[in-house]
Amino acid sequence: MPHPDADVVIAGCGPTGAMLAAELRLHDIHVIVLDKDTEPAPASRVVGLHIRTLELMAMRGLLDRVLEHGRRRPAAGFFAAIPKPAPDDLGTPYAYMVGIPLPVINRILADHATGHGADIRHGHPVTGLRQDDDGVTVELAHGERLRARYLVGCDGAHSTVRKLLGVAFPGEPSRNDTLMTEVETGTPPEEIAAVMARLGDHHQRLWLRPAGPGLYTVVVPAADVADRSQPPTIDDVRGRLRALIGTDFGVHSPRWLSRFGDATRLADHYRLGRVLLAGDAAHIHPPIGGQGLNLGVQDAVNLGWKLAAHIRGRALADLLDTYHAERHPVAAAVLDNTRAQMELSAAEPGPRAVRRLLTELMDIDAVNRRLIEKITAIDIRYDFGAGPDLLGRRLPDIAVKHGNLYGLLRHGRGLLLDRTERLTTGGWSDRVDHLADPTAELDVPAVLLRPDGHVAWIGDDQRDLEGHLTRWFGEGLSRSDAFTK
């Protein structure tokens, strides 16, 4: 393809697009990110970063910045807001959630991308695309055109890229709107707690949660919304509180306001030719459980190294297809668990009875653990074929020689963690690091980790290892090729 403007154009500079740009830049892929907004939104809702996303932040050296600007809360009460504590040991040092304003995490990830050399351009909406055997022509609103090898739509629930591509987006439209805000109030906390306690389980979609001195996060069912293009107001929130519980607690001075629906949709395909989808462009669901942003960031980390390897000519032909094969089922599972949580939030007697039953069942450690692992995405096991249960799962941030595991994954390369001290990465050493460490906290001889931290191979046989290195990282270099490199 002669003289492309970029290897990859990314439409959308939210968390998914910014994270993907950074992942590609770790492999020296020329990236242009196009965002339709002229500047980032100055205010928006607080979002929650769950365990698996915090692990990815740790892998890429971002966790300290996230913690500096976020607020920790225990890893509990995630599933349908049922208030159960987390099990004692979730097998990770990051067993908490971080609440952080959306503009802040956007800025952290955008700075991360530009720090690695990504070109982010605001005020450049995508209006058209044409792809051929060599690449994609991306048309912009002002008549400009860009040529790239690949285009990735990270442009949200109303994705222009998805619509232009003609990918079906089946599912259910929104039936219920909800208002959410962070507000000040002078009402004593004990008075608020007493009123909410009297509600019992009659209004699961209505709650007030302390967010600081005199500050509360408020969630309340919206009335019928005739025009979703109009932003909600504090008067809308006050009116709904008075209608449902008889008082608005004197709430005022909102830090941010948002309205969301419960539409649930999943794209039929994450890739058609040289155009791919990620984040909300590929899947939308109610925000209950706080999984949306996390799902998109995890899409980006799964896709980035694969697309980079494909562009560099280092990947086997089907590597890029594993993006859809791995991430589409994960999104389908998230859609199902949010559907279930929304049913449990209904005020009718049947859903309330099921909620009470599930609340009892969650006293069983295995049930509570399973639901927390599902919401936080630490239960994911990709299908890499037959093998031990660890195969296809992410490896936690275990202690290794001279530090911790995730500190070794910062550059987005593969890693051979070798307790035998007999194995080698050989012709793959230009893309896979090797740590010989007999003291590593593993109960297997050696593991091969992909750049996203998932276990791609377990064993102690060099020839078997080389087959899996080829599968995930392409053909190895010969000794003479390696020398010239």
Protein backbone atom coordinates (compact mmCIF):
# COMPACT_ATOMS: atom_id res chain seq x y z
CA MET A 1 0.00 0.00 0.00
CA PRO A 2 1.83 3.18 -1.16
CA HIS A 3 2.28 6.03 1.31
CA PRO A 4 -0.58 5.56 3.80
CA ASP A 5 -1.23 8.43 6.18
CA ALA A 6 -1.20 5.94 9.05
CA ASP A 7 -1.02 2.25 9.76
CA VAL A 8 -4.21 2.52 11.82
CA VAL A 9 -6.87 5.19 12.09
CA ILE A 10 -8.98 5.00 15.24
CA ALA A 11 -12.37 6.73 15.31
CA GLY A 12 -13.13 7.91 18.84
CA CYS A 13 -10.85 9.02 21.66
CA GLY A 14 -12.70 7.72 24.67
CA PRO A 15 -11.03 5.22 27.00
CA THR A 16 -11.21 2.39 24.44
CA GLY A 17 -9.76 4.41 21.56
CA ALA A 18 -7.02 5.98 23.66
CA MET A 19 -6.01 2.65 25.22
CA LEU A 20 -5.91 0.99 21.79
CA ALA A 21 -3.75 3.79 20.40
CA ALA A 22 -1.27 3.36 23.25
CA GLU A 23 -1.18 -0.42 22.79
CA LEU A 24 -0.41 -0.02 19.09
CA ARG A 25 2.28 2.56 19.77
CA LEU A 26 4.06 0.08 22.07
CA HIS A 27 4.80 -1.77 18.83
CA ASP A 28 5.73 1.36 16.79
CA ILE A 29 2.51 1.33 14.78
CA HIS A 30 1.71 4.75 13.25
CA VAL A 31 -1.67 5.72 14.73
CA ILE A 32 -4.02 8.64 14.09
CA VAL A 33 -6.97 9.01 16.48
CA LEU A 34 -9.94 11.04 15.22
CA ASP A 35 -12.49 12.39 17.70
CA LYS A 36 -15.62 14.24 16.64
CA ASP A 37 -15.60 16.56 19.67
CA THR A 38 -13.50 19.69 19.42
CA GLU A 39 -12.32 19.22 23.00
CA PRO A 40 -12.82 16.69 25.79
CA ALA A 41 -16.00 17.04 27.83
CA PRO A 42 -15.31 19.17 30.94
CA ALA A 43 -17.62 17.20 33.25
CA SER A 44 -19.25 13.81 33.30
CA ARG A 45 -20.16 10.93 35.54
CA VAL A 46 -17.90 8.94 37.81
CA VAL A 47 -17.04 5.49 36.45
CA GLY A 48 -15.71 2.44 38.25
CA LEU A 49 -12.56 0.54 37.31
CA HIS A 50 -12.85 -3.12 38.27
CA ILE A 51 -10.13 -5.60 39.20
CA ARG A 52 -9.17 -6.78 35.71
CA THR A 53 -8.90 -3.23 34.40
CA LEU A 54 -6.79 -2.24 37.40
CA GLU A 55 -4.53 -5.19 36.59
CA LEU A 56 -4.15 -3.91 33.02
CA MET A 57 -3.38 -0.44 34.36
CA ALA A 58 -0.69 -2.01 36.56
CA MET A 59 0.73 -3.90 33.56
CA ARG A 60 1.16 -0.68 31.60
CA GLY A 61 2.48 1.43 34.46
CA LEU A 62 -0.70 3.53 34.83
CA LEU A 63 -2.07 2.38 38.16
CA ASP A 64 -0.35 5.00 40.32
CA ARG A 65 -1.85 7.80 38.22
CA VAL A 66 -5.29 6.23 38.42
CA LEU A 67 -5.08 5.86 42.20
CA GLU A 68 -3.88 9.45 42.53
CA HIS A 69 -7.12 10.73 40.98
CA GLY A 70 -9.59 8.03 42.00
CA ARG A 71 -11.36 6.86 45.11
CA ARG A 72 -11.05 3.25 46.29
CA ARG A 73 -13.97 1.21 47.53
CA PRO A 74 -14.18 -2.46 48.49
CA ALA A 75 -14.80 -5.15 45.87
CA ALA A 76 -18.31 -5.78 47.13
CA GLY A 77 -21.93 -5.09 46.31
CA PHE A 78 -21.34 -5.14 42.56
CA PHE A 79 -23.95 -7.68 41.44
CA ALA A 80 -27.36 -5.95 41.36
CA ALA A 81 -26.10 -3.76 44.26
CA ILE A 82 -26.71 -6.64 46.69
CA PRO A 83 -24.67 -5.63 49.75
CA LYS A 84 -22.41 -8.61 50.35
CA PRO A 85 -18.73 -8.33 51.32
CA ALA A 86 -16.10 -9.74 49.01
CA PRO A 87 -14.51 -13.12 49.79
CA ASP A 88 -11.26 -12.95 51.69
CA ASP A 89 -8.95 -13.97 48.85
CA LEU A 90 -9.67 -13.08 45.22
CA GLY A 91 -6.13 -13.97 44.14
CA THR A 92 -5.07 -10.45 43.25
CA PRO A 93 -3.46 -7.50 45.04
CA TYR A 94 -6.00 -5.26 43.30
CA ALA A 95 -9.14 -6.53 45.06
CA TYR A 96 -10.97 -3.21 45.08
CA MET A 97 -12.76 -0.82 42.74
CA VAL A 98 -11.62 2.68 41.86
CA GLY A 99 -14.23 5.37 41.24
CA ILE A 100 -12.85 8.07 38.95
CA PRO A 101 -14.47 10.87 36.91
CA LEU A 102 -14.79 9.89 33.26
CA PRO A 103 -12.95 13.00 31.97
CA VAL A 104 -10.04 12.17 34.27
CA ILE A 105 -9.56 8.59 33.09
CA ASN A 106 -10.01 9.85 29.51
CA ARG A 107 -7.19 12.35 30.07
CA ILE A 108 -4.91 9.77 31.72
CA LEU A 109 -5.32 7.35 28.82
CA ALA A 110 -5.05 10.05 26.14
CA ASP A 111 -1.83 11.34 27.75
CA HIS A 112 -0.59 7.75 27.86
CA ALA A 113 -1.26 7.41 24.12
CA THR A 114 0.31 10.72 23.11
CA GLY A 115 3.25 10.02 25.41
CA HIS A 116 3.96 6.98 23.27
CA GLY A 117 3.59 9.00 20.06
CA ALA A 118 -0.08 8.67 19.04
CA ASP A 119 -1.50 11.54 16.95
CA ILE A 120 -4.86 12.58 18.46
CA ARG A 121 -6.96 15.03 16.45
CA HIS A 122 -10.10 16.58 17.94
CA GLY A 123 -12.94 18.03 15.88
CA HIS A 124 -12.54 15.45 13.10
CA PRO A 125 -15.73 13.36 12.76
CA VAL A 126 -15.63 10.39 10.40
CA THR A 127 -18.34 10.59 7.72
CA GLY A 128 -17.42 7.86 5.27
CA LEU A 129 -15.17 4.90 4.57
CA ARG A 130 -14.16 2.75 1.64
CA GLN A 131 -11.99 -0.32 1.99
CA ASP A 132 -10.15 -2.39 -0.58
CA ASP A 133 -7.54 -5.12 -0.57
CA ASP A 134 -4.76 -2.73 0.48
CA GLY A 135 -6.38 -0.51 3.07
CA VAL A 136 -9.16 1.89 4.06
CA THR A 137 -9.94 5.39 2.88
CA VAL A 138 -11.48 7.38 5.73
CA GLU A 139 -13.57 10.43 4.82
CA LEU A 140 -13.88 13.33 7.27
CA ALA A 141 -16.54 15.98 7.69
CA HIS A 142 -14.57 18.78 6.03
CA GLY A 143 -13.74 16.86 2.87
CA GLU A 144 -10.37 15.59 4.08
CA ARG A 145 -9.45 11.99 3.43
CA LEU A 146 -6.99 9.75 5.21
CA ARG A 147 -5.58 6.48 3.98
CA ALA A 148 -4.72 3.72 6.47
CA ARG A 149 -4.05 0.03 6.50
CA TYR A 150 -6.80 -0.50 9.09
CA LEU A 151 -9.65 1.47 10.68
CA VAL A 152 -10.99 0.73 14.16
CA GLY A 153 -14.33 2.15 15.27
CA CYS A 154 -14.17 3.09 18.96
CA ASP A 155 -16.81 5.78 18.45
CA GLY A 156 -19.44 4.73 20.95
CA ALA A 157 -22.96 3.37 21.04
CA HIS A 158 -24.09 5.38 18.00
CA SER A 159 -20.95 4.40 16.09
CA THR A 160 -20.70 5.97 12.65
CA VAL A 161 -18.10 3.38 11.67
CA ARG A 162 -20.41 0.49 12.57
CA LYS A 163 -23.26 2.02 10.59
CA LEU A 164 -21.10 2.74 7.55
CA LEU A 165 -19.76 -0.78 7.71
CA GLY A 166 -23.29 -2.18 7.75
CA VAL A 167 -22.74 -4.44 10.75
CA ALA A 168 -25.98 -5.54 12.39
CA PHE A 169 -26.46 -4.47 16.02
CA PRO A 170 -29.23 -6.74 17.31
CA GLY A 171 -30.65 -6.64 20.81
CA GLU A 172 -33.27 -4.77 22.82
CA PRO A 173 -34.03 -1.04 22.76
CA SER A 174 -34.07 1.00 25.95
CA ARG A 175 -37.18 0.54 28.10
CA ASN A 176 -36.17 2.34 31.27
CA ASP A 177 -34.21 5.56 31.72
CA THR A 178 -32.32 6.38 34.89
CA LEU A 179 -30.92 9.65 36.21
CA MET A 180 -27.58 9.74 37.98
CA THR A 181 -25.80 12.66 39.61
CA GLU A 182 -23.39 13.70 42.32
CA VAL A 183 -24.87 16.47 44.48
CA GLU A 184 -24.48 18.39 47.70
CA THR A 185 -27.02 18.33 50.53
CA GLY A 186 -27.23 19.72 54.02
CA THR A 187 -29.52 16.92 55.20
CA PRO A 188 -27.91 14.93 58.03
CA PRO A 189 -26.64 11.52 56.86
CA GLU A 190 -28.64 9.67 59.53
CA GLU A 191 -31.86 11.23 58.22
CA ILE A 192 -31.09 10.13 54.67
CA ALA A 193 -30.17 6.64 55.87
CA ALA A 194 -33.45 6.36 57.84
CA VAL A 195 -35.57 7.34 54.84
CA MET A 196 -33.75 4.90 52.55
CA ALA A 197 -34.08 2.11 55.13
CA ARG A 198 -37.87 2.60 55.19
CA LEU A 199 -37.97 2.02 51.43
CA GLY A 200 -36.74 -1.56 51.92
CA ASP A 201 -36.49 -3.41 48.62
CA HIS A 202 -39.29 -1.53 46.86
CA HIS A 203 -37.05 0.76 44.78
CA GLN A 204 -33.83 -0.97 43.71
CA ARG A 205 -33.17 1.66 41.05
CA LEU A 206 -33.32 4.46 43.63
CA TRP A 207 -30.46 5.03 46.03
CA LEU A 208 -28.27 7.67 47.62
CA ARG A 209 -24.68 6.79 48.44
CA PRO A 210 -22.25 9.01 50.40
CA ALA A 211 -19.49 10.37 48.15
CA GLY A 212 -17.76 12.69 50.62
CA PRO A 213 -18.68 15.22 53.33
CA GLY A 214 -22.10 16.59 52.42
CA LEU A 215 -21.83 14.93 49.02
CA TYR A 216 -24.00 12.10 47.65
CA THR A 217 -24.27 10.05 44.48
CA VAL A 218 -27.95 9.83 43.57
CA VAL A 219 -29.55 7.29 41.24
CA VAL A 220 -33.26 7.61 40.53
CA PRO A 221 -35.62 6.20 37.88
CA ALA A 222 -36.46 8.82 35.26
CA ALA A 223 -39.98 9.62 34.15
CA ASP A 224 -40.88 9.15 30.49
CA VAL A 225 -38.23 10.91 28.41
CA ALA A 226 -39.68 12.48 25.29
CA ASP A 227 -36.47 14.07 24.02
CA ARG A 228 -33.23 12.23 24.86
CA SER A 229 -31.20 14.96 23.17
CA GLN A 230 -31.93 17.32 26.07
CA PRO A 231 -29.62 16.94 29.08
CA PRO A 232 -31.19 16.27 32.48
CA THR A 233 -31.35 18.97 35.14
CA ILE A 234 -31.19 19.06 38.92
CA ASP A 235 -34.91 19.90 38.88
CA ASP A 236 -35.55 16.57 37.14
CA VAL A 237 -33.73 14.78 39.96
CA ARG A 238 -35.54 16.72 42.69
CA GLY A 239 -38.91 16.07 41.09
CA ARG A 240 -38.34 12.32 40.83
CA LEU A 241 -37.12 12.10 44.45
CA ARG A 242 -40.21 13.95 45.71
CA ALA A 243 -42.54 11.82 43.59
CA LEU A 244 -41.06 8.53 44.80
CA ILE A 245 -40.13 9.14 48.45
CA GLY A 246 -41.76 12.44 49.36
CA THR A 247 -38.57 14.49 49.81
CA ASP A 248 -35.65 15.69 47.72
CA PHE A 249 -33.31 16.05 50.73
CA GLY A 250 -32.52 19.58 49.57
CA VAL A 251 -30.05 18.34 46.95
CA HIS A 252 -28.23 21.10 45.04
CA SER A 253 -25.05 22.05 43.20
CA PRO A 254 -24.63 18.95 41.00
CA ARG A 255 -21.04 18.09 40.13
CA TRP A 256 -22.33 16.23 37.08
CA LEU A 257 -25.63 14.87 35.72
CA SER A 258 -26.29 12.03 33.33
CA ARG A 259 -29.17 9.99 32.00
CA PHE A 260 -28.80 6.46 30.71
CA GLY A 261 -31.10 3.80 29.32
CA ASP A 262 -31.02 0.03 29.41
CA ALA A 263 -30.61 -0.74 25.71
CA THR A 264 -28.73 -4.01 25.20
CA ARG A 265 -27.08 -4.76 21.85
CA LEU A 266 -24.13 -6.73 20.47
CA ALA A 267 -22.56 -6.34 17.03
CA ASP A 268 -22.73 -9.43 14.85
CA HIS A 269 -19.11 -8.99 13.79
CA TYR A 270 -16.13 -7.26 15.37
CA ARG A 271 -14.24 -7.30 12.09
CA LEU A 272 -15.13 -6.98 8.42
CA GLY A 273 -12.05 -6.90 6.25
CA ARG A 274 -9.79 -4.06 7.35
CA VAL A 275 -12.33 -2.41 9.65
CA LEU A 276 -12.81 -3.46 13.28
CA LEU A 277 -15.03 -2.42 16.19
CA ALA A 278 -14.26 -2.10 19.90
CA GLY A 279 -15.88 -0.76 23.04
CA ASP A 280 -19.42 0.64 22.90
CA ALA A 281 -19.28 0.57 19.10
CA ALA A 282 -19.40 -3.22 19.45
CA HIS A 283 -21.63 -3.66 22.51
CA ILE A 284 -23.96 -1.65 24.74
CA HIS A 285 -25.76 -2.64 27.92
CA PRO A 286 -27.18 -1.06 31.09
CA PRO A 287 -24.46 0.36 33.36
CA ILE A 288 -25.59 -1.73 36.33
CA GLY A 289 -22.52 -3.47 37.71
CA GLY A 290 -20.28 -0.80 36.16
CA GLN A 291 -18.79 -3.02 33.45
CA GLY A 292 -19.00 -0.91 30.27
CA LEU A 293 -15.78 1.09 30.30
CA ASN A 294 -13.90 -1.94 31.63
CA LEU A 295 -15.15 -4.12 28.80
CA GLY A 296 -13.97 -1.59 26.20
CA VAL A 297 -10.49 -1.13 27.70
CA GLN A 298 -10.11 -4.90 27.83
CA ASP A 299 -11.14 -5.08 24.15
CA ALA A 300 -8.36 -2.62 23.35
CA VAL A 301 -5.66 -4.60 25.16
CA ASN A 302 -6.79 -7.82 23.47
CA LEU A 303 -6.76 -6.23 20.01
CA GLY A 304 -3.71 -3.98 20.12
CA TRP A 305 -0.86 -6.50 20.02
CA LYS A 306 -2.67 -8.71 17.51
CA LEU A 307 -3.31 -5.89 15.05
CA ALA A 308 0.26 -4.68 15.48
CA ALA A 309 1.66 -8.14 14.77
CA HIS A 310 -0.56 -8.44 11.69
CA ILE A 311 0.61 -5.09 10.33
CA ARG A 312 4.24 -5.98 10.99
CA GLY A 313 3.83 -9.26 9.09
CA ARG A 314 4.76 -11.29 12.16
CA ALA A 315 1.40 -12.99 12.78
CA LEU A 316 -0.09 -16.16 11.42
CA ALA A 317 -3.06 -15.47 9.18
CA ASP A 318 -5.75 -16.26 11.75
CA LEU A 319 -4.34 -14.31 14.72
CA LEU A 320 -6.47 -11.23 14.06
CA ASP A 321 -9.59 -13.41 13.85
CA THR A 322 -9.05 -14.43 17.49
CA TYR A 323 -10.07 -10.90 18.51
CA HIS A 324 -13.71 -11.57 17.62
CA ALA A 325 -13.51 -15.21 18.72
CA GLU A 326 -12.30 -14.22 22.20
CA ARG A 327 -14.04 -10.92 22.91
CA HIS A 328 -17.50 -11.46 21.37
CA PRO A 329 -18.42 -14.24 23.87
CA VAL A 330 -17.12 -12.10 26.74
CA ALA A 331 -19.43 -9.24 25.72
CA ALA A 332 -22.35 -11.64 25.30
CA ALA A 333 -21.82 -12.84 28.88
CA VAL A 334 -21.74 -9.24 30.15
CA LEU A 335 -24.98 -8.48 28.33
CA ASP A 336 -26.60 -11.48 29.97
CA ASN A 337 -25.47 -10.60 33.48
CA THR A 338 -26.68 -7.01 33.09
CA ARG A 339 -30.03 -8.27 31.83
CA ALA A 340 -30.29 -10.41 34.95
CA GLN A 341 -29.31 -7.53 37.21
CA MET A 342 -31.91 -5.24 35.64
CA GLU A 343 -34.61 -7.86 36.25
CA LEU A 344 -33.53 -8.02 39.89
CA SER A 345 -33.92 -4.24 40.18
CA ALA A 346 -37.62 -4.30 39.21
CA ALA A 347 -40.18 -3.37 41.87
CA GLU A 348 -42.71 -6.17 41.11
CA PRO A 349 -43.16 -8.95 43.70
CA GLY A 350 -41.61 -11.67 41.51
CA PRO A 351 -38.24 -9.99 40.91
CA ARG A 352 -38.15 -8.87 44.55
CA ALA A 353 -38.65 -12.49 45.67
CA VAL A 354 -35.84 -13.68 43.37
CA ARG A 355 -33.61 -10.93 44.71
CA ARG A 356 -34.25 -12.03 48.30
CA LEU A 357 -33.45 -15.63 47.37
CA LEU A 358 -30.21 -14.62 45.61
CA THR A 359 -29.26 -12.49 48.61
CA GLU A 360 -29.47 -15.63 50.76
CA LEU A 361 -27.52 -17.71 48.24
CA MET A 362 -24.74 -15.12 48.18
CA ASP A 363 -23.98 -16.02 51.79
CA ILE A 364 -22.44 -19.13 50.24
CA ASP A 365 -18.83 -18.18 49.52
CA ALA A 366 -18.70 -19.96 46.14
CA VAL A 367 -21.79 -18.11 44.87
CA ASN A 368 -20.59 -14.72 46.04
CA ARG A 369 -17.11 -15.37 44.61
CA ARG A 370 -18.50 -16.46 41.25
CA LEU A 371 -20.57 -13.31 40.84
CA ILE A 372 -17.73 -10.98 41.85
CA GLU A 373 -15.33 -12.74 39.48
CA LYS A 374 -17.90 -12.37 36.69
CA ILE A 375 -18.46 -8.65 37.24
CA THR A 376 -14.74 -7.87 37.62
CA ALA A 377 -13.73 -10.01 34.59
CA ILE A 378 -11.18 -12.11 36.46
CA ASP A 379 -13.17 -15.24 35.57
CA ILE A 380 -12.40 -15.02 31.83
CA ARG A 381 -10.86 -18.10 30.28
CA TYR A 382 -10.21 -17.92 26.54
CA ASP A 383 -10.47 -21.19 24.64
CA PHE A 384 -6.89 -22.13 23.73
CA GLY A 385 -7.68 -25.83 23.45
CA ALA A 386 -7.33 -28.67 25.92
CA GLY A 387 -5.10 -28.12 28.90
CA PRO A 388 -4.95 -27.24 32.60
CA ASP A 389 -7.49 -24.81 33.99
CA LEU A 390 -4.87 -22.05 34.06
CA LEU A 391 -4.51 -22.19 30.25
CA GLY A 392 -6.35 -19.24 28.72
CA ARG A 393 -6.75 -17.41 32.03
CA ARG A 394 -4.93 -14.28 33.10
CA LEU A 395 -2.00 -14.83 35.44
CA PRO A 396 -2.27 -12.72 38.61
CA ASP A 397 0.46 -10.26 39.54
CA ILE A 398 2.68 -12.79 41.33
CA ALA A 399 6.05 -12.10 42.92
CA VAL A 400 9.03 -12.83 40.68
CA LYS A 401 12.75 -12.28 40.90
CA HIS A 402 13.54 -8.59 41.43
CA GLY A 403 9.92 -7.45 41.60
CA ASN A 404 6.46 -8.38 40.39
CA LEU A 405 5.15 -9.99 37.24
CA TYR A 406 3.16 -7.08 35.81
CA GLY A 407 6.20 -4.83 35.92
CA LEU A 408 7.68 -7.09 33.22
CA LEU A 409 4.74 -6.60 30.84
CA ARG A 410 4.94 -2.81 30.56
CA HIS A 411 6.19 -2.81 26.98
CA GLY A 412 3.43 -5.02 25.57
CA ARG A 413 5.67 -7.97 24.72
CA GLY A 414 5.13 -11.65 25.40
CA LEU A 415 6.86 -13.24 28.38
CA LEU A 416 8.21 -16.72 29.05
CA LEU A 417 8.26 -17.24 32.82
CA ASP A 418 10.51 -20.23 33.26
CA ARG A 419 11.03 -22.05 36.55
CA THR A 420 13.05 -24.81 34.85
CA GLU A 421 15.84 -22.46 33.67
CA ARG A 422 16.21 -24.77 30.66
CA LEU A 423 13.92 -23.12 28.10
CA THR A 424 14.62 -20.36 25.60
CA THR A 425 12.66 -17.94 23.40
CA GLY A 426 15.29 -18.35 20.65
CA GLY A 427 14.15 -16.76 17.39
CA TRP A 428 11.28 -15.00 19.15
CA SER A 429 13.45 -12.98 21.54
CA ASP A 430 12.73 -9.82 19.52
CA ARG A 431 9.08 -9.97 20.67
CA VAL A 432 9.01 -12.30 23.70
CA ASP A 433 11.00 -11.70 26.90
CA HIS A 434 12.38 -14.57 28.99
CA LEU A 435 12.66 -14.66 32.76
CA ALA A 436 14.34 -17.75 34.23
CA ASP A 437 13.20 -17.74 37.84
CA PRO A 438 12.97 -20.94 39.89
CA THR A 439 11.50 -18.93 42.78
CA ALA A 440 8.46 -17.60 40.88
CA GLU A 441 5.14 -18.26 42.64
CA LEU A 442 3.96 -20.86 40.10
CA ASP A 443 2.91 -24.46 40.59
CA VAL A 444 3.79 -25.36 36.96
CA PRO A 445 7.24 -25.58 35.30
CA ALA A 446 6.82 -22.63 32.92
CA VAL A 447 4.19 -20.43 31.30
CA LEU A 448 4.12 -18.39 28.12
CA LEU A 449 2.18 -15.14 28.57
CA ARG A 450 0.65 -13.10 25.78
CA PRO A 451 1.02 -9.29 25.98
CA ASP A 452 -2.45 -9.11 27.61
CA GLY A 453 -1.27 -11.34 30.47
CA HIS A 454 -3.23 -14.48 29.49
CA VAL A 455 -1.50 -17.85 29.71
CA ALA A 456 -0.88 -19.18 26.19
CA TRP A 457 1.15 -22.28 27.09
CA ILE A 458 2.10 -24.39 30.12
CA GLY A 459 4.86 -27.01 30.16
CA ASP A 460 8.56 -27.76 30.09
CA ASP A 461 9.22 -29.06 26.57
CA GLN A 462 11.17 -26.72 24.24
CA ARG A 463 9.75 -28.11 21.01
CA ASP A 464 6.18 -27.81 22.28
CA LEU A 465 6.93 -24.27 23.43
CA GLU A 466 8.19 -23.30 19.97
CA GLY A 467 4.94 -24.47 18.40
CA HIS A 468 3.00 -22.15 20.69
CA LEU A 469 5.43 -19.29 20.17
CA THR A 470 4.71 -19.63 16.45
CA ARG A 471 0.97 -19.78 17.03
CA TRP A 472 0.83 -16.53 18.99
CA PHE A 473 3.89 -14.59 17.82
CA GLY A 474 4.48 -15.77 14.25
CA GLU A 475 7.53 -17.42 12.77
CA GLY A 476 10.76 -17.08 14.71
CA LEU A 477 13.83 -15.51 13.22
CA SER A 478 16.72 -17.72 12.15
CA ARG A 479 20.06 -17.10 13.84
CA SER A 480 21.32 -15.15 10.84
CA ASP A 481 18.12 -13.07 10.67
CA ALA A 482 18.31 -12.41 14.38
CA PHE A 483 21.94 -11.28 14.01
CA THR A 484 21.08 -8.82 11.22
CA LYS A 485 18.13 -7.49 13.26
